[in-house]
Protein backbone atom coordinates (compact mmCIF):
# COMPACT_ATOMS: atom_id res chain seq x y z
CA UNK A 1 -73.47 67.45 7.28
CA UNK A 2 -73.80 70.95 5.87
CA UNK A 3 -73.96 72.35 9.42
CA UNK A 4 -70.82 70.50 10.43
CA UNK A 5 -68.94 71.79 7.41
CA UNK A 6 -70.20 75.36 8.06
CA UNK A 7 -69.07 75.28 11.69
CA UNK A 8 -65.70 73.87 10.66
CA UNK A 9 -65.31 76.60 8.06
CA UNK A 10 -66.15 79.32 10.59
CA UNK A 11 -63.69 77.89 13.13
CA UNK A 12 -61.01 77.74 10.48
CA UNK A 13 -61.65 81.36 9.51
CA UNK A 14 -61.66 82.47 13.16
CA UNK A 15 -58.42 80.61 13.83
CA UNK A 16 -56.77 82.15 10.79
CA UNK A 17 -58.03 85.60 11.73
CA UNK A 18 -56.82 85.19 15.32
CA UNK A 19 -53.40 84.10 14.15
CA UNK A 20 -53.29 87.03 11.74
CA UNK A 21 -54.24 89.54 14.46
CA UNK A 22 -51.85 87.97 16.97
CA UNK A 23 -49.09 87.96 14.40
CA UNK A 24 -49.74 91.60 13.61
CA UNK A 25 -49.76 92.50 17.30
CA UNK A 26 -46.52 90.67 18.01
CA UNK A 27 -44.98 92.06 14.85
CA UNK A 28 -46.01 95.56 15.84
CA UNK A 29 -44.54 95.17 19.31
CA UNK A 30 -41.31 93.81 17.87
CA UNK A 31 -41.20 96.62 15.34
CA UNK A 32 -41.70 99.18 18.10
CA UNK A 33 -38.97 97.57 20.16
CA UNK A 34 -36.64 97.77 17.19
CA UNK A 35 -37.50 101.45 16.88
CA UNK A 36 -36.43 102.08 20.46
CA UNK A 37 -33.15 100.17 20.40
CA UNK A 38 -29.83 101.97 20.60
CA UNK A 39 -28.06 104.48 22.80
CA UNK A 40 -29.54 107.57 24.48
CA UNK A 41 -28.89 110.75 22.55
CA UNK A 42 -26.91 112.38 25.34
CA UNK A 43 -24.23 109.70 24.93
CA UNK A 44 -23.22 111.36 21.65
CA UNK A 45 -20.83 114.31 21.35
CA UNK A 46 -23.36 116.16 19.19
CA UNK A 47 -26.11 116.26 21.80
CA UNK A 48 -27.90 119.40 20.57
CA UNK A 49 -27.61 121.57 23.66
CA UNK A 50 -24.54 123.64 24.46
CA UNK A 51 -23.60 125.59 27.58
CA UNK A 52 -23.43 129.37 27.32
CA UNK A 53 -20.70 131.30 29.23
CA UNK A 54 -23.33 131.87 31.94
CA UNK A 55 -23.86 128.10 32.24
CA UNK A 56 -27.30 128.06 30.64
CA UNK A 57 -28.35 125.36 28.19
CA UNK A 58 -28.89 126.63 24.65
CA UNK A 59 -30.21 124.70 21.66
CA UNK A 60 -27.39 124.08 19.17
CA UNK A 61 -28.57 124.01 15.55
CA UNK A 62 -25.05 123.05 14.44
CA UNK A 63 -25.01 119.92 16.60
CA UNK A 64 -28.57 119.11 15.59
CA UNK A 65 -27.55 119.17 11.90
CA UNK A 66 -24.57 116.93 12.63
CA UNK A 67 -26.87 114.49 14.45
CA UNK A 68 -29.39 114.42 11.59
CA UNK A 69 -26.75 113.45 9.03
CA UNK A 70 -25.13 110.95 11.42
CA UNK A 71 -28.39 109.06 12.01
CA UNK A 72 -29.16 109.03 8.31
CA UNK A 73 -25.86 107.19 7.75
CA UNK A 74 -25.82 105.18 11.02
CA UNK A 75 -28.93 103.61 12.49
CA UNK A 76 -29.78 104.27 16.14
CA UNK A 77 -33.55 104.32 16.62
CA UNK A 78 -33.54 105.40 20.24
CA UNK A 79 -31.22 108.38 19.84
CA UNK A 80 -32.72 109.44 16.51
CA UNK A 81 -36.27 109.54 17.89
CA UNK A 82 -35.03 111.53 20.88
CA UNK A 83 -33.42 113.93 18.42
CA UNK A 84 -36.70 114.27 16.52
CA UNK A 85 -38.50 114.94 19.79
CA UNK A 86 -36.07 117.75 20.67
CA UNK A 87 -36.19 119.13 17.14
CA UNK A 88 -39.98 119.38 17.11
CA UNK A 89 -39.95 121.04 20.54
CA UNK A 90 -37.57 123.71 19.19
CA UNK A 91 -39.42 124.32 15.90
CA UNK A 92 -36.34 123.17 14.04
CA UNK A 93 -38.10 123.09 10.66
CA UNK A 94 -38.18 126.89 10.71
CA UNK A 95 -34.45 127.08 11.40
CA UNK A 96 -32.93 124.62 8.93
CA UNK A 97 -31.86 125.64 5.44
CA UNK A 98 -33.45 123.92 2.43
CA UNK A 99 -30.79 121.19 2.13
CA UNK A 100 -30.78 120.33 5.85
CA UNK A 101 -34.58 120.43 5.95
CA UNK A 102 -34.71 117.77 3.22
CA UNK A 103 -32.27 115.67 5.26
CA UNK A 104 -34.45 116.12 8.35
CA UNK A 105 -37.53 115.02 6.38
CA UNK A 106 -35.64 111.86 5.36
CA UNK A 107 -34.79 111.31 9.03
CA UNK A 108 -38.48 111.63 9.95
CA UNK A 109 -39.35 109.02 7.34
CA UNK A 110 -36.55 106.64 8.33
CA UNK A 111 -37.43 106.66 12.05
CA UNK A 112 -41.23 107.04 11.79
CA UNK A 113 -41.07 110.58 13.13
CA UNK A 114 -44.83 111.07 12.71
CA UNK A 115 -45.24 108.87 15.79
CA UNK A 116 -43.08 111.14 17.93
CA UNK A 117 -45.90 113.32 19.25
CA UNK A 118 -45.60 116.38 21.38
CA UNK A 119 -47.37 115.01 24.47
CA UNK A 120 -44.82 116.04 27.10
CA UNK A 121 -47.15 118.57 28.66
CA UNK A 122 -49.80 115.92 29.23
CA UNK A 123 -47.19 113.47 30.52
CA UNK A 124 -45.88 116.04 33.04
CA UNK A 125 -49.29 117.23 34.23
CA UNK A 126 -49.29 115.14 37.41
CA UNK A 127 -45.78 116.35 38.22
CA UNK A 128 -47.00 119.94 37.96
CA UNK A 129 -49.64 119.13 40.56
CA UNK A 130 -47.04 117.51 42.84
CA UNK A 131 -44.75 120.56 42.63
CA UNK A 132 -47.60 123.00 43.18
CA UNK A 133 -48.93 121.21 46.26
CA UNK A 134 -45.47 120.61 47.77
CA UNK A 135 -44.56 124.28 47.28
CA UNK A 136 -47.78 125.47 48.88
CA UNK A 137 -47.21 123.14 51.84
CA UNK A 138 -44.25 125.32 52.94
CA UNK A 139 -45.31 128.95 52.31
CA UNK A 140 -43.00 131.90 53.04
CA UNK A 141 -40.22 129.61 54.25
CA UNK A 142 -37.59 130.07 51.55
CA UNK A 143 -38.47 126.73 49.95
CA UNK A 144 -39.00 126.64 46.18
CA UNK A 145 -40.42 123.68 44.25
CA UNK A 146 -40.50 123.57 40.46
CA UNK A 147 -40.86 121.32 37.42
CA UNK A 148 -38.44 121.46 34.50
CA UNK A 149 -39.59 120.25 31.08
CA UNK A 150 -36.26 119.05 29.68
CA UNK A 151 -37.61 118.49 26.20
CA UNK A 152 -36.81 122.18 25.76
CA UNK A 153 -34.10 123.26 28.25
CA UNK A 154 -34.06 126.78 26.80
CA UNK A 155 -37.57 127.37 28.25
CA UNK A 156 -37.78 124.50 30.69
CA UNK A 157 -39.54 125.88 33.76
CA UNK A 158 -43.12 124.67 33.45
CA UNK A 159 -44.30 125.08 37.06
CA UNK A 160 -42.79 126.98 39.99
CA UNK A 161 -44.02 127.62 43.52
CA UNK A 162 -42.36 130.20 45.81
CA UNK A 163 -40.38 131.46 42.84
CA UNK A 164 -39.17 134.49 44.79
CA UNK A 165 -36.42 132.24 46.16
CA UNK A 166 -34.50 132.27 42.86
CA UNK A 167 -36.43 134.97 41.01
CA UNK A 168 -37.33 132.66 38.13
CA UNK A 169 -40.70 132.35 36.42
CA UNK A 170 -42.45 129.92 34.08
CA UNK A 171 -40.78 129.87 30.67
CA UNK A 172 -37.23 130.51 31.84
CA UNK A 173 -34.51 128.00 30.96
CA UNK A 174 -32.38 125.64 32.96
CA UNK A 175 -28.67 125.75 33.67
CA UNK A 176 -26.21 122.98 32.83
CA UNK A 177 -26.97 121.47 36.23
CA UNK A 178 -30.09 119.91 34.70
CA UNK A 179 -28.37 118.96 31.46
CA UNK A 180 -25.90 117.15 33.73
CA UNK A 181 -28.87 115.29 35.24
CA UNK A 182 -29.18 113.24 32.07
CA UNK A 183 -25.60 112.02 32.48
CA UNK A 184 -26.07 111.27 36.18
CA UNK A 185 -29.24 109.26 35.56
CA UNK A 186 -27.36 107.22 32.99
CA UNK A 187 -24.68 106.53 35.63
CA UNK A 188 -27.22 105.78 38.38
CA UNK A 189 -26.20 108.82 40.43
CA UNK A 190 -28.71 110.80 42.52
CA UNK A 191 -28.68 114.60 42.75
CA UNK A 192 -29.76 114.59 46.38
CA UNK A 193 -29.12 117.17 49.09
CA UNK A 194 -26.40 119.12 47.27
CA UNK A 195 -25.08 122.64 47.94
CA UNK A 196 -24.98 125.51 45.46
CA UNK A 197 -23.06 128.74 46.04
CA UNK A 198 -23.83 131.52 43.54
CA UNK A 199 -22.13 134.79 44.47
CA UNK A 200 -23.36 135.57 47.96
CA UNK A 201 -26.30 133.17 47.68
CA UNK A 202 -26.30 129.66 49.16
CA UNK A 203 -28.83 126.91 48.51
CA UNK A 204 -29.57 123.35 49.57
CA UNK A 205 -31.08 121.46 46.63
CA UNK A 206 -32.46 118.14 45.48
CA UNK A 207 -33.23 117.33 41.84
CA UNK A 208 -35.53 114.38 41.06
CA UNK A 209 -35.49 113.11 37.46
CA UNK A 210 -38.68 112.42 35.51
CA UNK A 211 -38.06 109.60 33.05
CA UNK A 212 -40.01 108.38 30.02
CA UNK A 213 -39.11 104.97 28.64
CA UNK A 214 -39.17 106.24 25.06
CA UNK A 215 -37.09 109.39 25.52
CA UNK A 216 -35.11 109.02 28.75
CA UNK A 217 -35.06 112.03 31.08
CA UNK A 218 -37.74 114.49 29.99
CA UNK A 219 -38.10 116.55 33.16
CA UNK A 220 -37.22 117.06 36.80
CA UNK A 221 -38.75 118.17 40.06
CA UNK A 222 -36.41 120.49 41.96
CA UNK A 223 -36.50 121.55 45.60
CA UNK A 224 -34.38 124.59 46.44
CA UNK A 225 -33.97 125.85 50.03
CA UNK A 226 -32.55 129.33 50.67
CA UNK A 227 -29.95 128.62 53.36
CA UNK A 228 -29.02 132.28 53.89
CA UNK A 229 -32.66 133.21 54.56
CA UNK A 230 -32.88 130.63 57.33
CA UNK A 231 -29.47 131.44 58.82
CA UNK A 232 -29.48 135.23 58.46
CA UNK A 233 -33.16 136.14 58.72
CA UNK A 234 -34.83 133.41 60.76
CA UNK A 235 -32.32 132.04 63.27
CA UNK A 236 -31.13 135.37 64.80
CA UNK A 237 -34.67 136.53 65.65
CA UNK A 238 -36.91 134.73 68.16
CA UNK A 239 -39.97 136.34 66.55
CA UNK A 240 -38.99 135.14 63.10
CA UNK A 241 -38.29 131.66 64.41
CA UNK A 242 -41.81 131.59 65.81
CA UNK A 243 -43.20 132.85 62.48
CA UNK A 244 -41.17 130.27 60.54
CA UNK A 245 -42.50 127.37 62.57
CA UNK A 246 -45.99 128.81 62.55
CA UNK A 247 -45.85 128.58 58.75
CA UNK A 248 -44.32 125.12 59.07
CA UNK A 249 -47.25 123.88 61.20
CA UNK A 250 -49.99 125.84 59.42
CA UNK A 251 -52.89 123.79 58.05
CA UNK A 252 -55.75 124.70 55.74
CA UNK A 253 -58.18 121.92 56.70
CA UNK A 254 -58.72 119.08 59.14
CA UNK A 255 -59.57 115.52 58.09
CA UNK A 256 -60.39 112.29 59.89
CA UNK A 257 -57.78 109.87 58.54
CA UNK A 258 -55.38 107.36 60.09
CA UNK A 259 -51.84 107.37 58.66
CA UNK A 260 -50.32 105.37 61.53
CA UNK A 261 -49.48 101.68 61.73
CA UNK A 262 -51.64 99.62 64.07
CA UNK A 263 -48.99 99.77 66.81
CA UNK A 264 -48.43 103.51 66.48
CA UNK A 265 -52.20 104.05 66.40
CA UNK A 266 -52.52 102.13 69.68
CA UNK A 267 -49.77 104.22 71.27
CA UNK A 268 -51.32 107.45 70.00
CA UNK A 269 -54.60 106.56 71.71
CA UNK A 270 -52.58 105.81 74.84
CA UNK A 271 -51.01 109.27 74.78
CA UNK A 272 -47.90 109.10 72.55
CA UNK A 273 -47.45 112.62 71.09
CA UNK A 274 -44.65 112.38 68.51
CA UNK A 275 -42.36 109.84 66.88
CA UNK A 276 -39.56 110.29 69.48
CA UNK A 277 -41.90 110.18 72.46
CA UNK A 278 -40.78 107.03 74.27
CA UNK A 279 -42.91 107.54 77.38
CA UNK A 280 -45.65 105.28 76.03
CA UNK A 281 -44.77 101.59 75.74
């Protein structure tokens, strides 16, 4: 009898504990969802980056202050946490006066700002590898590949390969073209295969957004092709055309792998040389 009662007591305690843990888990998830509800920060007029006359993005302390006071009066968890993220990236605590700093501290408390950690570098690490390997796949061909860390547009370039194409280096900022990326992502518009003309320079570009669920667009991979180099330096010279395609076809290692479908593999063994070779049925 005692054993039966003991087992029943244990089962009751386990059930209660399980319900408590489950309730806490569900409650935590719901609380986190509530924290992330609202509009993206770039939907607001006081998005804290402004364009300079040279079309570079510059952190705006004035707009940041306006945003802090707005989100203290009006609740928007998603936008406010994005604002905190940007503020921490720009060392905003060292820039605010005493009164605004107290307001910012209240904002941190209201929106659980301690949980907004600076882990963008870790999050973007794989994208750095992608950009580095893509850039090194096309050496000396006027093709530049880079990663922008948009948590701090003023110093956004985190990785760049073949940087001689635009002359930029790690630590330089982005132009309003990448600030505009946030708006385009929100509208479902791609920045694919577009032309840029800057003075006498001409480029063919593609910008690929990097999105985090919590903060929206936090970065971008950009591919920039120097059109004038190809048209003015490569195309007029047979020797340079040969050099260009030698770089295009250059390999650093050989591996035994099959990337073909079963049908294309069969045709390759039968003598098919390239994807438009229709001599092999």
